[in-house]
C-alpha atoms as a PDB file:
ATOM      1  CA  UNK A   1       6.011 -34.216-137.907  1.00  0.00           C
ATOM      2  CA  UNK A   2       3.048 -34.914-135.655  1.00  0.00           C
ATOM      3  CA  UNK A   3       2.971 -36.114-132.054  1.00  0.00           C
ATOM      4  CA  UNK A   4       0.609 -38.967-131.238  1.00  0.00           C
ATOM      5  CA  UNK A   5      -0.539 -39.873-127.732  1.00  0.00           C
ATOM      6  CA  UNK A   6      -2.548 -43.029-127.111  1.00  0.00           C
ATOM      7  CA  UNK A   7      -4.808 -43.658-124.139  1.00  0.00           C
ATOM      8  CA  UNK A   8      -7.575 -45.977-123.037  1.00  0.00           C
ATOM      9  CA  UNK A   9      -5.704 -49.226-122.644  1.00  0.00           C
ATOM     10  CA  UNK A  10      -6.190 -51.470-119.643  1.00  0.00           C
ATOM     11  CA  UNK A  11      -7.098 -54.925-118.405  1.00  0.00           C
ATOM     12  CA  UNK A  12     -10.464 -56.528-119.112  1.00  0.00           C
ATOM     13  CA  UNK A  13     -11.999 -59.970-119.101  1.00  0.00           C
ATOM     14  CA  UNK A  14     -12.811 -61.798-122.290  1.00  0.00           C
ATOM     15  CA  UNK A  15     -16.008 -60.478-123.810  1.00  0.00           C
ATOM     16  CA  UNK A  16     -15.432 -57.012-122.446  1.00  0.00           C
ATOM     17  CA  UNK A  17     -14.884 -53.709-124.253  1.00  0.00           C
ATOM     18  CA  UNK A  18     -12.328 -50.938-124.371  1.00  0.00           C
ATOM     19  CA  UNK A  19     -12.072 -47.705-126.307  1.00  0.00           C
ATOM     20  CA  UNK A  20      -8.654 -46.493-127.331  1.00  0.00           C
ATOM     21  CA  UNK A  21      -7.958 -42.872-128.234  1.00  0.00           C
ATOM     22  CA  UNK A  22      -5.089 -41.355-130.188  1.00  0.00           C
ATOM     23  CA  UNK A  23      -4.721 -37.602-129.885  1.00  0.00           C
ATOM     24  CA  UNK A  24      -2.673 -35.962-132.624  1.00  0.00           C
ATOM     25  CA  UNK A  25      -0.971 -32.601-132.521  1.00  0.00           C
ATOM     26  CA  UNK A  26      -0.731 -30.363-135.540  1.00  0.00           C
ATOM     27  CA  UNK A  27      -3.007 -29.834-138.514  1.00  0.00           C
ATOM     28  CA  UNK A  28      -5.689 -32.293-139.531  1.00  0.00           C
ATOM     29  CA  UNK A  29      -3.974 -32.591-142.905  1.00  0.00           C
ATOM     30  CA  UNK A  30      -1.017 -34.173-141.127  1.00  0.00           C
ATOM     31  CA  UNK A  31      -3.253 -37.101-140.231  1.00  0.00           C
ATOM     32  CA  UNK A  32      -5.035 -37.806-143.517  1.00  0.00           C
ATOM     33  CA  UNK A  33      -4.079 -41.444-143.108  1.00  0.00           C
ATOM     34  CA  UNK A  34      -4.229 -43.062-139.662  1.00  0.00           C
ATOM     35  CA  UNK A  35      -4.236 -46.554-138.267  1.00  0.00           C
ATOM     36  CA  UNK A  36      -4.000 -48.748-135.225  1.00  0.00           C
ATOM     37  CA  UNK A  37      -1.354 -51.455-135.020  1.00  0.00           C
ATOM     38  CA  UNK A  38      -0.648 -53.963-132.288  1.00  0.00           C
ATOM     39  CA  UNK A  39       2.260 -56.085-131.202  1.00  0.00           C
ATOM     40  CA  UNK A  40       2.030 -59.058-128.881  1.00  0.00           C
ATOM     41  CA  UNK A  41       5.121 -60.448-127.110  1.00  0.00           C
ATOM     42  CA  UNK A  42       7.214 -62.495-129.501  1.00  0.00           C
ATOM     43  CA  UNK A  43       5.132 -61.503-132.505  1.00  0.00           C
ATOM     44  CA  UNK A  44       5.497 -58.993-135.291  1.00  0.00           C
ATOM     45  CA  UNK A  45       3.566 -55.764-135.308  1.00  0.00           C
ATOM     46  CA  UNK A  46       0.348 -56.082-137.287  1.00  0.00           C
ATOM     47  CA  UNK A  47      -2.170 -53.661-138.670  1.00  0.00           C
ATOM     48  CA  UNK A  48      -5.537 -53.720-136.917  1.00  0.00           C
ATOM     49  CA  UNK A  49      -7.661 -50.913-138.364  1.00  0.00           C
ATOM     50  CA  UNK A  50      -7.096 -47.914-140.601  1.00  0.00           C
ATOM     51  CA  UNK A  51      -8.991 -44.692-141.328  1.00  0.00           C
ATOM     52  CA  UNK A  52      -8.435 -42.471-144.335  1.00  0.00           C
ATOM     53  CA  UNK A  53      -9.482 -38.827-144.646  1.00  0.00           C
ATOM     54  CA  UNK A  54     -12.419 -39.654-146.929  1.00  0.00           C
ATOM     55  CA  UNK A  55     -13.896 -41.983-144.317  1.00  0.00           C
ATOM     56  CA  UNK A  56     -12.610 -45.196-145.850  1.00  0.00           C
ATOM     57  CA  UNK A  57     -11.682 -47.889-143.368  1.00  0.00           C
ATOM     58  CA  UNK A  58      -9.833 -51.184-143.353  1.00  0.00           C
ATOM     59  CA  UNK A  59      -9.771 -53.932-140.751  1.00  0.00           C
ATOM     60  CA  UNK A  60      -7.686 -56.999-140.130  1.00  0.00           C
ATOM     61  CA  UNK A  61      -9.738 -60.152-140.593  1.00  0.00           C
ATOM     62  CA  UNK A  62      -9.178 -61.082-136.959  1.00  0.00           C
ATOM     63  CA  UNK A  63     -11.058 -58.011-135.684  1.00  0.00           C
ATOM     64  CA  UNK A  64     -13.787 -57.517-138.288  1.00  0.00           C
ATOM     65  CA  UNK A  65     -17.197 -57.251-136.685  1.00  0.00           C
ATOM     66  CA  UNK A  66     -15.686 -56.587-133.252  1.00  0.00           C
ATOM     67  CA  UNK A  67     -13.576 -53.437-133.641  1.00  0.00           C
ATOM     68  CA  UNK A  68     -14.637 -50.081-135.060  1.00  0.00           C
ATOM     69  CA  UNK A  69     -12.256 -47.283-136.038  1.00  0.00           C
ATOM     70  CA  UNK A  70     -13.416 -43.685-136.195  1.00  0.00           C
ATOM     71  CA  UNK A  71     -11.991 -40.183-136.186  1.00  0.00           C
ATOM     72  CA  UNK A  72     -13.024 -36.811-134.832  1.00  0.00           C
ATOM     73  CA  UNK A  73     -11.440 -34.265-137.187  1.00  0.00           C
ATOM     74  CA  UNK A  74     -12.293 -31.349-134.897  1.00  0.00           C
ATOM     75  CA  UNK A  75     -10.296 -32.936-132.100  1.00  0.00           C
ATOM     76  CA  UNK A  76      -7.846 -34.576-134.515  1.00  0.00           C
ATOM     77  CA  UNK A  77      -8.318 -37.769-132.548  1.00  0.00           C
ATOM     78  CA  UNK A  78      -8.545 -41.356-133.762  1.00  0.00           C
ATOM     79  CA  UNK A  79     -10.553 -43.927-131.822  1.00  0.00           C
ATOM     80  CA  UNK A  80     -10.710 -47.685-131.719  1.00  0.00           C
ATOM     81  CA  UNK A  81     -13.808 -49.185-130.140  1.00  0.00           C
ATOM     82  CA  UNK A  82     -13.024 -52.782-129.221  1.00  0.00           C
ATOM     83  CA  UNK A  83     -15.885 -55.098-128.321  1.00  0.00           C
ATOM     84  CA  UNK A  84     -16.072 -58.832-127.617  1.00  0.00           C
ATOM     85  CA  UNK A  85     -12.418 -58.819-126.669  1.00  0.00           C
ATOM     86  CA  UNK A  86     -10.506 -62.088-126.712  1.00  0.00           C
ATOM     87  CA  UNK A  87      -7.288 -63.123-124.938  1.00  0.00           C
ATOM     88  CA  UNK A  88      -5.562 -63.120-128.325  1.00  0.00           C
ATOM     89  CA  UNK A  89      -6.238 -59.375-128.565  1.00  0.00           C
ATOM     90  CA  UNK A  90      -3.712 -58.855-125.773  1.00  0.00           C
ATOM     91  CA  UNK A  91      -0.949 -56.610-127.119  1.00  0.00           C
ATOM     92  CA  UNK A  92       0.591 -53.180-127.096  1.00  0.00           C
ATOM     93  CA  UNK A  93      -1.538 -51.013-129.348  1.00  0.00           C
ATOM     94  CA  UNK A  94       0.102 -48.263-131.367  1.00  0.00           C
ATOM     95  CA  UNK A  95      -1.363 -45.337-133.251  1.00  0.00           C
ATOM     96  CA  UNK A  96       0.196 -44.320-136.559  1.00  0.00           C
ATOM     97  CA  UNK A  97      -0.378 -41.327-138.814  1.00  0.00           C
ATOM     98  CA  UNK A  98       0.786 -39.904-142.098  1.00  0.00           C
ATOM     99  CA  UNK A  99      -0.135 -36.842-144.162  1.00  0.00           C
ATOM    100  CA  UNK A 100      -0.441 -39.124-147.146  1.00  0.00           C
ATOM    101  CA  UNK A 101       0.613 -38.616-150.742  1.00  0.00           C
ATOM    102  CA  UNK A 102      -1.388 -37.635-153.812  1.00  0.00           C
ATOM    103  CA  UNK A 103      -4.468 -35.684-152.723  1.00  0.00           C
ATOM    104  CA  UNK A 104      -3.866 -36.859-149.179  1.00  0.00           C
ATOM    105  CA  UNK A 105      -4.535 -40.518-149.829  1.00  0.00           C
ATOM    106  CA  UNK A 106      -2.402 -43.066-148.027  1.00  0.00           C
ATOM    107  CA  UNK A 107       0.923 -43.589-149.761  1.00  0.00           C
ATOM    108  CA  UNK A 108       0.670 -47.360-149.447  1.00  0.00           C
ATOM    109  CA  UNK A 109      -1.487 -50.155-148.089  1.00  0.00           C
ATOM    110  CA  UNK A 110      -3.448 -48.846-145.133  1.00  0.00           C
ATOM    111  CA  UNK A 111      -2.478 -51.703-142.819  1.00  0.00           C
ATOM    112  CA  UNK A 112       1.185 -51.694-143.824  1.00  0.00           C
ATOM    113  CA  UNK A 113       3.635 -50.212-141.317  1.00  0.00           C
ATOM    114  CA  UNK A 114       5.677 -48.615-144.066  1.00  0.00           C
ATOM    115  CA  UNK A 115       2.780 -46.341-144.988  1.00  0.00           C
ATOM    116  CA  UNK A 116       3.172 -44.336-141.778  1.00  0.00           C
ATOM    117  CA  UNK A 117       5.911 -41.949-140.718  1.00  0.00           C
ATOM    118  CA  UNK A 118       4.616 -40.961-137.290  1.00  0.00           C
ATOM    119  CA  UNK A 119       4.039 -43.293-134.358  1.00  0.00           C
ATOM    120  CA  UNK A 120       2.801 -43.085-130.795  1.00  0.00           C
ATOM    121  CA  UNK A 121       4.359 -44.742-127.756  1.00  0.00           C
ATOM    122  CA  UNK A 122       1.620 -47.329-127.386  1.00  0.00           C
ATOM    123  CA  UNK A 123      -0.989 -48.344-124.831  1.00  0.00           C
ATOM    124  CA  UNK A 124      -1.245 -51.819-123.332  1.00  0.00           C
ATOM    125  CA  UNK A 125      -4.374 -53.933-123.693  1.00  0.00           C
ATOM    126  CA  UNK A 126      -4.622 -57.123-121.658  1.00  0.00           C
ATOM    127  CA  UNK A 127      -7.560 -59.513-121.996  1.00  0.00           C
ATOM    128  CA  UNK A 128      -7.893 -62.323-119.498  1.00  0.00           C
ATOM    129  CA  UNK A 129      -9.893 -65.488-120.025  1.00  0.00           C
END
């Protein structure tokens, strides 16, 4: 079990930037597979960006070229740099983590909720037009 705490959310105008952070407790091996998800009101939770221990990343098509996911293993912290924000990016953003399966690789698709067994409480991002 690992505790995840998100921060960095807020309100910005369209075209602005935000940087989200997700601080994880425990060993780095407990977070071999990490991702950001988001959920807008009335919509299902969707995967935004994922980071695997070997540096591999995945992005939802809607954020490619605008969002960048990264991780500081020393701090055991996952980041999401969000640029060129749009009103449709407005959502609660959640951090997810999992120790992974074979050799620490993600047990399933990196942007699939079922791949992750640990979740943060979320941080709100609001983008106004």
